[in-house]
Every structure is written in structure tokens, then in C-alpha cells.
Amino acid sequence: MNNCNIKPAEGKLGIMIVGNGAVATTFITGVLMARKGLTKPVGALTQYDKIRVTTPSGTKRLSYGDIVPLASLDDIVFGTWDVYPQNAFQSAIYCQVLQEKDIMPVREELEQIVPIPAAFDKNYAKRLDGDNVKQCANRWDMVLQLREDIKKFKAENNCSRIVVLWAASTEIYVPVNMDVHDTLEHLEQAMKADDRKNIAPSMCYAYAALSEGAPFIMGAPNTTVDIPAMWQLAEKMHMPIAGKDFKTGQTLVKSGFSPIISTRCLGLSGWFSTNILGNRDGLVLDEPDNFRTKEVSKLSTLSTILDADNQPDLYADYYHKVRINYYPPRNDNKEGWDNIDIFGWMGYPMQIKINFLCRDSILAAPLCLDLCLLSDLAARAGRYGIQSFLSFYLKTPMHDYTKGEKPVNHLYQQYTMLKNAIREMGGYPADEAID
């Protein structure tokens, strides 16, 4: 490493995951299997990608771990919270994402991961009905109990650092309310007043994590850390935050394919996206209030890539629709269809159709690994607040909308931001510009 001023990744890294379902158990099982040499962590940039760096003797391509000090898979300890009491082995079997042959070699380790009772409000996920739930007097009590969970887990597992990752279901849509979400003081007052309308359970997890010196990653489209009050807390505690919503299937395609349309200066008339999904996430999203949260997240991708202000002839008037349908037979095997109506020379219409038969948790698991390792890295590098360089992994990248800032949704621009941040933290010059 080149003049790297990052604290070393010494000791154990505790990864505490909100949710012990399909995404969490697929992530955990894959890491446990990979460190036994029984599988490969395919899809994780921290494990496979190489970045070009410039040195006095020329350029070379290095893996992330050769540029910056990343935590080793061997040093990770997992914990979870969940509304259902089943341990990670039972949950992995029940979720039916992985075959038994890919779970059984790490059965004993998975059985040791017993979920902590969740901080839960059924009004935020009406389709879930578990009984492994904390009894909380109010939202502030919820925060205090979660802080104790983090302290206890860190001490019992002898962890030097903790990262908290949300891999639970989508909550109902919470509009940003600047009377509550504008300052840390107002947020704390609302928590103590038990304002259940404006304070989602996910906000309590984020507040608890940041207060305990743990980076927080929001893997669902919930309104959680994308509010000024949380930015203030992250800055006060000098902790990184990242969100929101893992970019796994259809939005990954959208953020990677729409640049073809814009780069080629073709016009867009409409983009219709629909999904079928049968896992617990699909069940929760079958509730209209929960789907609204996801819809807002998914709709935001195109507008910054196909920019109407920059190209009004091409993008001023396209129609964008997103649908998610709960279909139990598919379980975790999600299918997405994109029907894209474009136009070209002299306005003549053309069509593009994309059918992505993906596995939701198989795509999410490597994102979880990268986001946890890179958030831990950012904390040790002294980076805090919104981590824009992690936008590559997220559907709705966080940004300071109070200052008119626009998110970067273009996949290849996000990738450039990611690589430049790794270079910078490793003491190498950023050698790519975002155009």
C-alpha cells in the first residue's frame, strides 16, 4: 500500500444484520463457506475486482485489498435481529435459496447465530407476524435496547469494530417531515415523545448503531438515514452511512442499460418494468403502503441518467412505470421484464425487451459483503457522513437534497466514483474523471 494513513483492520469485525431471512442467511452462509475454501465469493468487487493505479514506475492493476487494508473474511463475526426466532441454519433451510449441500458444511456455525429479538412495529410491516420482538415503552426505549444489544454483542464476541446492515423487509413509506427529520434535536424529541408516525423502527436501528460507533447501511428503500438529522448524527459520531436499497436485479439492468440510450443520443418514449417475486420481501411488498416505498426508490433511477434538462428533445416526455407482483411459486427466483420504447432518426420508433431471471439473494449477498467491508474501511480512514462512493451498490444513492444535490445513478459513473475513492484512500491519485 502507498502512504496509506488508514487504521489497520485489526481484531474481529462484527457484522450485525437487521433481518435473518433470505438475504442475510445467503450472505452469512456464503462467507462461512468461502473462508473454508468450499465456495467462491463471486460478485464481490472487494474479492475479485482490480483497479488501475498509477505509480512512479508506471501503472498496474491491484486488488482492493492490495490498495487499502480490508478486513479479512476470517475475522468476521455475524449477529442478527429478527422477528422470527429461528437460527440462521433453520432460516437458510426454510428460505430455500441455497441447496442443502451448500449449507450443511457450516451448519454448526449457522446454528450459533440465534437472532436477537427485533425492534418491530407491525404497522410498518403488516404482513409479518413473528413473536421474537422487543417490548418497548416508546421509540427512545427501542433505541436504548438496541444500543445495549450492540454493546453486548461486541463484548461477548470480542469484536474491535461493528458494522450494522439492514437486510430486513421494506417498511411503509415515511415522507420526510422537516419538522421532525430536520435536526438531531428534533429527531431525539420525536423519539422520546414516541412519534410512531414519523419515527420508523429502522431509524431506531440507525440511531443506535451510529451512537455506538458503528457504520450503518440501509439495504431497503426505507426513509432512515436519508434525512438531515441522521447526517448530523453521523457527523457528530464521525461514522459513515450508506443507503439506500440494494441494487440487485432490475435496477442494476436499468442503471447499466439506460446509458446505452443516452450515450447513443436515442430518445425514450416509455419504460415499463414489472417483477414477480415470491420470498418474504415479495410478501411484504404486496402491501400497497410498503410497495409505495419501493416504487419511489425504483422510479428515481432514470431521471438523472436520461436528463430532460440536458436533452429535452430526447427525454422531456417519457412514461416510466414500475410494478412488483407477489408470486409465491417463484420464492427467491425473481423475474423482471423491461419493455422499453425508444425512438431514433426522424422520430421512428423501436423497442427493446429485457427479461432477467435472477436470484434476488444471490445478487444481494456480495453487495452486503462489499458494503460492510467498505463501510468499515471508510470508518478506519476517517470518512464520515454520506458515503457517495458506495452509490454503485444502491438503487437510490443518498445525497444532500437540501442543497439541490442530485444523485449519480449512472452505473459506470458510480463505478468510477468507487474506484477513485479506493485509490484516494490507498494514497494513489484519482486518474478517472466523471463526464
Protein backbone atom coordinates (compact mmCIF):
# COMPACT_ATOMS: atom_id res chain seq x y z
CA MET A 1 0.00 0.00 0.00
CA ASN A 2 1.09 3.52 -0.88
CA ASN A 3 1.35 6.05 2.01
CA CYS A 4 -1.87 4.67 3.46
CA ASN A 5 -3.00 6.53 6.61
CA ILE A 6 -5.87 4.18 7.43
CA LYS A 7 -6.11 2.43 10.78
CA PRO A 8 -5.31 -1.27 10.26
CA ALA A 9 -8.11 -3.84 10.20
CA GLU A 10 -7.02 -5.43 13.48
CA GLY A 11 -9.22 -7.71 15.54
CA LYS A 12 -12.67 -9.06 14.77
CA LEU A 13 -15.26 -7.21 12.71
CA GLY A 14 -18.80 -7.80 13.96
CA ILE A 15 -21.45 -7.58 11.25
CA MET A 16 -24.85 -7.21 12.88
CA ILE A 17 -27.66 -7.70 10.38
CA VAL A 18 -31.23 -6.50 10.80
CA GLY A 19 -33.13 -9.47 9.38
CA ASN A 20 -32.27 -13.15 9.41
CA GLY A 21 -34.10 -14.08 6.22
CA ALA A 22 -33.12 -14.98 2.67
CA VAL A 23 -30.60 -12.18 2.02
CA ALA A 24 -28.94 -12.37 5.44
CA THR A 25 -28.58 -16.16 5.58
CA THR A 26 -27.36 -16.35 1.97
CA PHE A 27 -24.74 -13.70 2.77
CA ILE A 28 -23.67 -15.36 6.02
CA THR A 29 -23.57 -18.90 4.59
CA GLY A 30 -21.53 -17.77 1.59
CA VAL A 31 -18.92 -16.05 3.77
CA LEU A 32 -18.64 -19.06 6.10
CA MET A 33 -18.32 -21.44 3.12
CA ALA A 34 -15.80 -19.17 1.33
CA ARG A 35 -13.48 -18.98 4.31
CA LYS A 36 -13.45 -22.77 4.47
CA GLY A 37 -12.45 -22.80 0.79
CA LEU A 38 -15.71 -24.54 -0.15
CA THR A 39 -17.12 -21.85 -2.43
CA LYS A 40 -16.15 -18.62 -4.20
CA PRO A 41 -17.46 -15.15 -3.27
CA VAL A 42 -18.45 -14.40 -6.87
CA GLY A 43 -19.92 -10.94 -7.43
CA ALA A 44 -17.98 -9.22 -4.63
CA LEU A 45 -15.73 -6.48 -6.02
CA THR A 46 -13.66 -6.46 -2.83
CA GLN A 47 -12.76 -10.09 -3.51
CA TYR A 48 -12.38 -10.06 -7.31
CA ASP A 49 -12.11 -6.61 -8.87
CA LYS A 50 -8.80 -4.98 -9.73
CA ILE A 51 -8.20 -1.25 -10.09
CA ARG A 52 -5.61 0.51 -12.21
CA VAL A 53 -3.28 2.63 -10.07
CA THR A 54 -0.53 5.00 -11.13
CA THR A 55 2.88 4.67 -9.51
CA PRO A 56 6.20 6.42 -10.24
CA SER A 57 7.25 3.31 -12.20
CA GLY A 58 4.05 3.20 -14.27
CA THR A 59 0.55 1.76 -13.97
CA LYS A 60 -0.50 -1.58 -12.56
CA ARG A 61 -3.73 -3.33 -11.63
CA LEU A 62 -4.21 -4.17 -7.96
CA SER A 63 -6.98 -5.85 -5.99
CA TYR A 64 -8.80 -3.71 -3.41
CA GLY A 65 -7.03 -5.48 -0.55
CA ASP A 66 -3.64 -4.61 -2.05
CA ILE A 67 -4.56 -0.91 -2.19
CA VAL A 68 -6.32 -0.49 1.17
CA PRO A 69 -6.43 -2.59 4.37
CA LEU A 70 -9.70 -4.52 4.22
CA ALA A 71 -10.97 -6.79 6.97
CA SER A 72 -10.36 -10.48 6.26
CA LEU A 73 -13.29 -12.87 5.85
CA ASP A 74 -11.67 -14.90 8.64
CA ASP A 75 -12.15 -12.00 11.08
CA ILE A 76 -15.91 -11.55 10.54
CA VAL A 77 -18.39 -12.46 13.29
CA PHE A 78 -22.11 -12.42 12.45
CA GLY A 79 -25.12 -11.50 14.55
CA THR A 80 -28.74 -10.82 13.57
CA TRP A 81 -32.03 -9.40 14.78
CA ASP A 82 -35.29 -10.90 13.51
CA VAL A 83 -38.98 -11.10 14.39
CA TYR A 84 -38.77 -14.88 13.92
CA PRO A 85 -36.70 -16.88 16.47
CA GLN A 86 -35.23 -19.50 14.09
CA ASN A 87 -31.43 -19.63 14.00
CA ALA A 88 -29.52 -18.91 10.80
CA PHE A 89 -29.33 -22.61 9.84
CA GLN A 90 -33.08 -23.12 10.23
CA SER A 91 -33.76 -19.91 8.33
CA ALA A 92 -31.36 -20.78 5.49
CA ILE A 93 -33.10 -24.14 5.04
CA TYR A 94 -36.55 -22.55 5.24
CA CYS A 95 -35.75 -19.79 2.73
CA GLN A 96 -34.81 -22.35 0.04
CA VAL A 97 -32.32 -20.08 -1.69
CA LEU A 98 -29.34 -22.40 -1.23
CA GLN A 99 -29.22 -26.17 -1.61
CA GLU A 100 -28.59 -28.24 1.50
CA LYS A 101 -25.17 -29.29 0.17
CA ASP A 102 -24.13 -25.62 0.33
CA ILE A 103 -25.45 -25.16 3.88
CA MET A 104 -24.61 -28.38 5.73
CA PRO A 105 -20.80 -27.91 5.87
CA VAL A 106 -21.31 -24.80 8.04
CA ARG A 107 -24.40 -26.00 9.92
CA GLU A 108 -22.81 -25.74 13.37
CA GLU A 109 -21.65 -22.16 12.82
CA LEU A 110 -25.07 -21.16 11.45
CA GLU A 111 -26.85 -22.73 14.42
CA GLN A 112 -24.83 -20.49 16.74
CA ILE A 113 -26.35 -17.40 15.10
CA VAL A 114 -29.61 -17.00 17.02
CA PRO A 115 -31.45 -13.77 16.25
CA ILE A 116 -31.79 -11.13 18.94
CA PRO A 117 -35.43 -10.06 19.44
CA ALA A 118 -36.23 -7.40 16.85
CA ALA A 119 -37.29 -3.82 17.41
CA PHE A 120 -40.54 -4.07 15.48
CA ASP A 121 -43.75 -2.18 14.81
CA LYS A 122 -46.34 -4.23 12.96
CA ASN A 123 -47.82 -1.07 11.44
CA TYR A 124 -44.62 -0.78 9.39
CA ALA A 125 -44.79 -4.36 8.01
CA LYS A 126 -48.34 -5.65 8.38
CA ARG A 127 -47.63 -8.94 6.59
CA LEU A 128 -45.04 -10.06 9.17
CA ASP A 129 -46.25 -11.81 12.30
CA GLY A 130 -43.25 -13.04 14.29
CA ASP A 131 -43.08 -13.22 18.08
CA ASN A 132 -39.33 -12.65 18.63
CA VAL A 133 -39.99 -8.99 19.33
CA LYS A 134 -38.82 -6.48 21.94
CA GLN A 135 -41.30 -4.92 24.33
CA CYS A 136 -40.56 -1.21 24.03
CA ALA A 137 -42.18 1.56 26.05
CA ASN A 138 -41.56 4.05 23.25
CA ARG A 139 -39.21 4.76 20.34
CA TRP A 140 -36.48 6.08 22.67
CA ASP A 141 -36.65 2.86 24.70
CA MET A 142 -36.31 0.99 21.39
CA VAL A 143 -33.08 2.91 20.71
CA LEU A 144 -31.71 2.21 24.18
CA GLN A 145 -32.44 -1.52 23.92
CA LEU A 146 -30.76 -1.70 20.51
CA ARG A 147 -27.69 0.11 21.86
CA GLU A 148 -27.46 -2.49 24.62
CA ASP A 149 -27.70 -5.28 22.00
CA ILE A 150 -24.76 -3.81 20.10
CA LYS A 151 -22.65 -3.32 23.25
CA LYS A 152 -23.37 -6.85 24.43
CA PHE A 153 -22.64 -8.47 21.06
CA LYS A 154 -19.39 -6.54 20.71
CA ALA A 155 -18.21 -7.55 24.18
CA GLU A 156 -19.31 -11.20 24.04
CA ASN A 157 -17.68 -11.76 20.65
CA ASN A 158 -14.55 -9.74 21.42
CA CYS A 159 -15.08 -7.51 18.36
CA SER A 160 -12.93 -4.45 17.85
CA ARG A 161 -15.42 -2.91 15.40
CA ILE A 162 -19.09 -3.29 14.44
CA VAL A 163 -20.99 -2.57 11.21
CA VAL A 164 -24.82 -2.65 11.19
CA LEU A 165 -26.56 -3.68 7.97
CA TRP A 166 -30.30 -3.54 7.27
CA ALA A 167 -31.30 -6.63 5.25
CA ALA A 168 -34.87 -6.77 6.55
CA SER A 169 -38.16 -6.03 4.84
CA THR A 170 -39.28 -2.75 3.32
CA GLU A 171 -41.20 -0.54 5.74
CA ILE A 172 -44.22 1.52 4.79
CA TYR A 173 -43.46 4.84 3.13
CA VAL A 174 -42.46 7.61 5.54
CA PRO A 175 -42.40 11.05 3.87
CA VAL A 176 -39.60 13.33 5.02
CA ASN A 177 -41.07 15.72 7.58
CA MET A 178 -38.82 18.71 8.11
CA ASP A 179 -40.47 19.47 11.46
CA VAL A 180 -39.10 16.17 12.79
CA HIS A 181 -36.33 14.99 10.48
CA ASP A 182 -34.50 18.30 10.02
CA THR A 183 -32.26 18.28 13.11
CA LEU A 184 -30.85 15.74 15.52
CA GLU A 185 -32.51 17.59 18.39
CA HIS A 186 -35.95 17.32 16.77
CA LEU A 187 -35.40 13.65 15.91
CA GLU A 188 -34.49 12.83 19.51
CA GLN A 189 -37.51 14.78 20.80
CA ALA A 190 -39.80 12.80 18.48
CA MET A 191 -38.28 9.50 19.62
CA LYS A 192 -38.78 10.44 23.29
CA ALA A 193 -42.35 11.56 22.53
CA ASP A 194 -42.99 8.16 20.84
CA ASP A 195 -43.88 9.73 17.48
CA ARG A 196 -44.64 6.47 15.68
CA LYS A 197 -45.80 8.20 12.53
CA ASN A 198 -42.52 9.96 11.78
CA ILE A 199 -40.05 7.62 13.53
CA ALA A 200 -39.73 4.25 11.78
CA PRO A 201 -38.12 1.30 13.62
CA SER A 202 -35.27 1.43 11.07
CA MET A 203 -34.43 4.94 12.31
CA CYS A 204 -34.00 3.49 15.80
CA TYR A 205 -31.56 0.89 14.49
CA ALA A 206 -29.58 3.55 12.63
CA TYR A 207 -29.53 5.90 15.61
CA ALA A 208 -28.39 3.08 17.91
CA ALA A 209 -25.67 1.92 15.52
CA LEU A 210 -24.21 5.38 14.94
CA SER A 211 -24.37 6.19 18.66
CA GLU A 212 -22.34 3.03 19.37
CA GLY A 213 -19.67 3.96 16.81
CA ALA A 214 -20.87 1.57 14.10
CA PRO A 215 -21.35 2.48 10.43
CA PHE A 216 -24.93 1.91 9.24
CA ILE A 217 -26.01 0.61 5.83
CA MET A 218 -29.64 0.79 4.67
CA GLY A 219 -30.31 -2.08 2.25
CA ALA A 220 -34.03 -1.36 1.79
CA PRO A 221 -35.74 1.74 0.36
CA ASN A 222 -36.84 2.91 3.83
CA THR A 223 -36.65 6.53 4.91
CA THR A 224 -33.95 6.06 7.53
CA VAL A 225 -30.52 7.65 7.12
CA ASP A 226 -31.52 9.86 4.18
CA ILE A 227 -32.67 12.68 6.48
CA PRO A 228 -30.65 15.69 7.72
CA ALA A 229 -30.99 14.65 11.38
CA MET A 230 -29.16 11.38 10.69
CA TRP A 231 -26.49 13.18 8.69
CA GLN A 232 -25.89 15.35 11.74
CA LEU A 233 -25.61 12.28 13.97
CA ALA A 234 -23.20 10.60 11.55
CA GLU A 235 -21.04 13.73 11.51
CA LYS A 236 -21.21 14.09 15.30
CA MET A 237 -20.09 10.47 15.79
CA HIS A 238 -17.65 10.55 12.84
CA MET A 239 -19.34 7.48 11.35
CA PRO A 240 -20.09 6.56 7.71
CA ILE A 241 -23.64 5.96 6.50
CA ALA A 242 -24.73 4.42 3.20
CA GLY A 243 -28.08 3.84 1.53
CA LYS A 244 -30.46 3.07 0.22
CA ASP A 245 -31.86 -0.19 -1.23
CA PHE A 246 -29.56 -2.88 -2.63
CA LYS A 247 -29.21 -2.56 -6.41
CA THR A 248 -29.63 -6.20 -7.37
CA GLY A 249 -31.82 -7.08 -10.34
CA GLN A 250 -33.96 -4.81 -12.45
CA THR A 251 -32.45 -1.52 -11.29
CA LEU A 252 -28.96 -2.88 -11.93
CA VAL A 253 -30.07 -3.56 -15.51
CA LYS A 254 -31.72 -0.13 -15.74
CA SER A 255 -28.68 1.79 -14.46
CA GLY A 256 -26.40 -0.19 -16.78
CA PHE A 257 -28.57 -0.22 -19.90
CA SER A 258 -30.02 3.30 -19.93
CA PRO A 259 -26.52 4.76 -20.54
CA ILE A 260 -26.61 2.98 -23.92
CA ILE A 261 -29.65 5.07 -24.85
CA SER A 262 -28.19 8.35 -23.58
CA THR A 263 -24.68 7.77 -24.96
CA ARG A 264 -26.11 6.96 -28.40
CA CYS A 265 -28.42 10.05 -28.20
CA LEU A 266 -31.53 7.98 -28.81
CA GLY A 267 -34.91 9.13 -27.49
CA LEU A 268 -37.11 7.44 -24.90
CA SER A 269 -40.90 7.28 -25.11
CA GLY A 270 -41.52 4.90 -22.24
CA TRP A 271 -40.03 2.32 -19.90
CA PHE A 272 -42.30 -0.27 -18.28
CA SER A 273 -40.77 -2.50 -15.59
CA THR A 274 -42.52 -5.35 -13.86
CA ASN A 275 -41.34 -8.06 -11.45
CA ILE A 276 -42.61 -11.26 -9.93
CA LEU A 277 -41.11 -12.29 -6.59
CA GLY A 278 -42.18 -14.85 -4.01
CA ASN A 279 -39.95 -14.53 -0.94
CA ARG A 280 -40.67 -12.66 2.32
CA ASP A 281 -39.77 -9.37 0.64
CA GLY A 282 -42.39 -10.06 -2.05
CA LEU A 283 -44.97 -10.81 0.64
CA VAL A 284 -44.29 -7.52 2.44
CA LEU A 285 -44.31 -5.57 -0.84
CA ASP A 286 -47.77 -6.96 -1.63
CA GLU A 287 -49.00 -4.40 0.90
CA PRO A 288 -49.65 -1.11 -1.00
CA ASP A 289 -48.05 1.15 1.65
CA ASN A 290 -44.85 -0.93 1.58
CA PHE A 291 -44.81 -1.08 -2.23
CA ARG A 292 -45.01 2.73 -2.32
CA THR A 293 -41.60 2.88 -0.57
CA LYS A 294 -40.07 0.56 -3.18
CA GLU A 295 -41.77 2.33 -6.08
CA VAL A 296 -40.27 5.70 -5.13
CA SER A 297 -36.83 4.04 -4.98
CA LYS A 298 -37.15 2.29 -8.34
CA LEU A 299 -38.61 5.29 -10.20
CA SER A 300 -35.72 7.59 -9.28
CA THR A 301 -33.07 5.82 -11.37
CA LEU A 302 -33.83 7.03 -14.90
CA SER A 303 -34.31 10.75 -14.38
CA THR A 304 -30.66 11.55 -13.64
CA ILE A 305 -29.32 9.35 -16.46
CA LEU A 306 -31.81 10.34 -19.16
CA ASP A 307 -31.70 14.02 -18.26
CA ALA A 308 -34.60 16.05 -19.67
CA ASP A 309 -32.91 19.37 -18.79
CA ASN A 310 -29.84 18.41 -20.80
CA GLN A 311 -31.66 16.73 -23.71
CA PRO A 312 -35.29 17.94 -23.88
CA ASP A 313 -35.82 16.60 -27.42
CA LEU A 314 -34.98 13.09 -26.26
CA TYR A 315 -36.18 12.79 -22.63
CA ALA A 316 -38.68 15.54 -21.83
CA ASP A 317 -41.79 13.41 -22.03
CA TYR A 318 -41.21 9.69 -21.41
CA TYR A 319 -43.55 7.47 -19.39
CA HIS A 320 -41.99 5.36 -16.60
CA LYS A 321 -43.96 2.69 -14.73
CA VAL A 322 -42.77 0.11 -12.16
CA ARG A 323 -44.74 -2.88 -10.89
CA ILE A 324 -43.91 -5.65 -8.39
CA ASN A 325 -46.21 -8.67 -8.10
CA TYR A 326 -46.09 -11.19 -5.26
CA TYR A 327 -46.00 -14.68 -6.77
CA PRO A 328 -45.19 -17.38 -4.17
CA PRO A 329 -44.17 -20.22 -6.56
CA ARG A 330 -41.03 -18.30 -7.58
CA ASN A 331 -39.79 -17.85 -4.00
CA ASP A 332 -36.36 -16.09 -4.24
CA ASN A 333 -36.10 -16.54 -8.02
CA LYS A 334 -37.23 -13.14 -9.15
CA GLU A 335 -38.13 -12.42 -12.76
CA GLY A 336 -38.06 -8.93 -14.21
CA TRP A 337 -39.36 -7.73 -17.55
CA ASP A 338 -38.42 -4.39 -19.04
CA ASN A 339 -40.28 -3.11 -22.09
CA ILE A 340 -38.52 -0.04 -23.47
CA ASP A 341 -39.92 2.14 -26.24
CA ILE A 342 -37.24 4.27 -27.87
CA PHE A 343 -37.09 6.43 -30.99
CA GLY A 344 -34.33 7.26 -33.40
CA TRP A 345 -33.62 9.13 -36.61
CA MET A 346 -36.59 11.27 -37.70
CA GLY A 347 -38.56 10.02 -34.70
CA TYR A 348 -39.02 6.42 -35.91
CA PRO A 349 -39.98 4.07 -33.04
CA MET A 350 -38.09 0.96 -31.89
CA GLN A 351 -38.45 -1.45 -28.99
CA ILE A 352 -36.11 -3.19 -26.56
CA LYS A 353 -37.23 -6.04 -24.30
CA ILE A 354 -35.14 -7.39 -21.43
CA ASN A 355 -36.09 -10.48 -19.42
CA PHE A 356 -33.89 -11.04 -16.35
CA LEU A 357 -34.45 -14.30 -14.48
CA CYS A 358 -32.36 -13.58 -11.42
CA ARG A 359 -31.90 -14.85 -7.89
CA ASP A 360 -32.51 -11.97 -5.55
CA SER A 361 -30.41 -13.09 -2.58
CA ILE A 362 -27.58 -14.44 -4.77
CA LEU A 363 -27.23 -10.94 -6.24
CA ALA A 364 -27.65 -9.20 -2.87
CA ALA A 365 -25.16 -11.27 -0.84
CA PRO A 366 -21.95 -9.95 -2.49
CA LEU A 367 -23.30 -6.39 -2.20
CA CYS A 368 -23.74 -6.99 1.54
CA LEU A 369 -20.14 -8.15 1.84
CA ASP A 370 -18.73 -5.22 -0.12
CA LEU A 371 -20.85 -2.63 1.67
CA CYS A 372 -19.83 -3.94 5.09
CA LEU A 373 -16.12 -4.19 4.28
CA LEU A 374 -16.03 -0.80 2.56
CA SER A 375 -18.04 0.95 5.30
CA ASP A 376 -15.63 -0.47 7.88
CA LEU A 377 -12.77 0.74 5.70
CA ALA A 378 -14.30 4.22 5.44
CA ALA A 379 -14.63 4.44 9.23
CA ARG A 380 -10.97 3.47 9.71
CA ALA A 381 -10.00 6.01 7.05
CA GLY A 382 -11.77 8.78 8.95
CA ARG A 383 -14.54 9.23 6.38
CA TYR A 384 -17.94 10.03 7.86
CA GLY A 385 -21.43 11.07 6.80
CA ILE A 386 -22.86 10.10 3.40
CA GLN A 387 -20.52 7.76 1.51
CA SER A 388 -21.31 8.66 -2.11
CA PHE A 389 -18.64 6.26 -3.39
CA LEU A 390 -20.91 3.36 -2.35
CA SER A 391 -23.69 4.52 -4.74
CA PHE A 392 -22.60 1.74 -7.11
CA TYR A 393 -24.34 -0.76 -4.82
CA LEU A 394 -27.57 1.12 -4.16
CA LYS A 395 -30.80 1.87 -6.01
CA THR A 396 -31.37 5.33 -4.54
CA PRO A 397 -27.98 6.82 -3.69
CA MET A 398 -28.04 9.17 -0.74
CA HIS A 399 -27.41 12.84 -1.47
CA ASP A 400 -27.96 16.20 0.21
CA TYR A 401 -31.27 17.23 -1.40
CA THR A 402 -31.45 20.23 0.95
CA LYS A 403 -28.69 21.81 -1.15
CA GLY A 404 -30.12 20.79 -4.53
CA GLU A 405 -27.59 17.99 -4.92
CA LYS A 406 -28.53 15.32 -7.46
CA PRO A 407 -27.68 11.64 -7.02
CA VAL A 408 -25.47 9.84 -9.54
CA ASN A 409 -27.42 6.83 -10.86
CA HIS A 410 -25.31 6.08 -13.96
CA LEU A 411 -23.69 2.69 -13.21
CA TYR A 412 -20.37 3.46 -14.90
CA GLN A 413 -20.04 6.88 -13.30
CA GLN A 414 -20.77 5.22 -9.94
CA TYR A 415 -18.05 2.66 -10.67
CA THR A 416 -15.59 5.48 -11.38
CA MET A 417 -16.51 7.13 -8.05
CA LEU A 418 -15.92 3.81 -6.26
CA LYS A 419 -12.53 3.23 -7.85
CA ASN A 420 -11.37 6.79 -7.26
CA ALA A 421 -12.32 6.58 -3.57
CA ILE A 422 -10.35 3.34 -3.17
CA ARG A 423 -7.37 4.94 -4.94
CA GLU A 424 -7.59 8.05 -2.77
CA MET A 425 -7.79 6.06 0.49
CA GLY A 426 -4.84 3.96 -0.65
CA GLY A 427 -2.73 7.04 -1.33
CA TYR A 428 -2.89 6.87 -5.14
CA PRO A 429 -4.07 9.70 -7.39
CA ALA A 430 -7.59 9.56 -8.84
CA ASP A 431 -6.98 9.03 -12.53
CA GLU A 432 -10.52 8.99 -13.91
CA ALA A 433 -12.98 11.84 -14.29
CA ILE A 434 -16.77 11.59 -14.33
CA ASP A 435 -18.01 13.21 -17.53
